[in-house]
């Protein structure tokens, strides 16, 4: 079922109020701030976050991916 924007926002608000993971909270703050000001959010990421993103992009380039449909099928989502 597709959710409207308002329902998605409410779901995210509820999730965020329960979130305890400091790294995720800091990352979300970076994303939010990058929308408010005119600068590249990449510069605000930690070296570890950049390495992780670059690894993921390399995996994509080298074909090490799993489609959404395969994940849904495997995990019964």
Protein backbone atom coordinates (compact mmCIF):
# COMPACT_ATOMS: atom_id res chain seq x y z
CA UNK A 1 0.00 0.00 0.00
CA UNK A 2 1.36 3.41 -0.92
CA UNK A 3 1.36 6.02 1.80
CA UNK A 4 0.65 9.69 1.33
CA UNK A 5 3.30 12.22 2.26
CA UNK A 6 1.55 13.15 5.51
CA UNK A 7 1.34 9.52 6.61
CA UNK A 8 5.02 9.00 5.78
CA UNK A 9 5.96 12.11 7.76
CA UNK A 10 4.02 10.86 10.78
CA UNK A 11 5.66 7.45 10.53
CA UNK A 12 9.10 9.08 10.37
CA UNK A 13 8.33 11.36 13.32
CA UNK A 14 7.23 8.39 15.41
CA UNK A 15 10.36 6.44 14.42
CA UNK A 16 12.64 9.40 15.09
CA UNK A 17 11.25 9.98 18.60
CA UNK A 18 12.25 6.41 19.50
CA UNK A 19 15.62 6.46 17.75
CA UNK A 20 18.61 6.02 20.06
CA UNK A 21 21.37 5.49 17.48
CA UNK A 22 23.57 8.59 17.77
CA UNK A 23 25.28 8.05 14.40
CA UNK A 24 21.95 7.85 12.57
CA UNK A 25 20.67 10.95 14.35
CA UNK A 26 23.82 12.88 13.41
CA UNK A 27 23.53 11.71 9.80
CA UNK A 28 19.89 12.80 9.62
CA UNK A 29 20.89 16.21 10.99
CA UNK A 30 23.47 16.53 8.22
CA UNK A 31 20.86 15.66 5.60
CA UNK A 32 18.39 18.16 7.09
CA UNK A 33 20.96 20.94 7.30
CA UNK A 34 22.13 20.33 3.75
CA UNK A 35 18.62 21.14 2.54
CA UNK A 36 18.54 24.37 4.56
CA UNK A 37 21.86 25.82 3.45
CA UNK A 38 23.68 25.95 0.15
CA UNK A 39 26.56 23.54 0.59
CA UNK A 40 27.48 19.97 -0.28
CA UNK A 41 26.46 17.57 2.50
CA UNK A 42 29.27 15.20 1.41
CA UNK A 43 31.75 17.51 3.15
CA UNK A 44 29.94 17.00 6.46
CA UNK A 45 30.14 13.20 6.42
CA UNK A 46 32.70 11.34 8.49
CA UNK A 47 35.53 9.47 6.79
CA UNK A 48 33.82 6.20 7.75
CA UNK A 49 30.53 7.29 6.17
CA UNK A 50 32.32 8.31 2.97
CA UNK A 51 34.18 4.98 2.82
CA UNK A 52 30.91 3.11 3.27
CA UNK A 53 29.20 5.05 0.48
CA UNK A 54 32.17 4.58 -1.85
CA UNK A 55 32.20 0.83 -1.11
CA UNK A 56 28.50 0.63 -1.95
CA UNK A 57 29.00 2.49 -5.22
CA UNK A 58 31.90 0.17 -6.11
CA UNK A 59 29.68 -2.85 -5.37
CA UNK A 60 27.06 -1.43 -7.74
CA UNK A 61 29.65 -0.78 -10.46
CA UNK A 62 30.95 -4.35 -10.12
CA UNK A 63 27.50 -5.92 -10.17
CA UNK A 64 27.39 -7.02 -6.53
CA UNK A 65 23.76 -6.06 -6.01
CA UNK A 66 20.50 -7.68 -5.01
CA UNK A 67 17.28 -6.40 -6.51
CA UNK A 68 14.46 -5.15 -4.33
CA UNK A 69 12.26 -7.93 -5.72
CA UNK A 70 14.80 -10.58 -4.66
CA UNK A 71 14.95 -9.19 -1.11
CA UNK A 72 11.16 -9.07 -0.85
CA UNK A 73 10.92 -12.66 -2.08
CA UNK A 74 13.69 -13.93 0.21
CA UNK A 75 12.42 -12.26 3.37
CA UNK A 76 8.70 -12.38 2.64
CA UNK A 77 8.23 -8.64 2.92
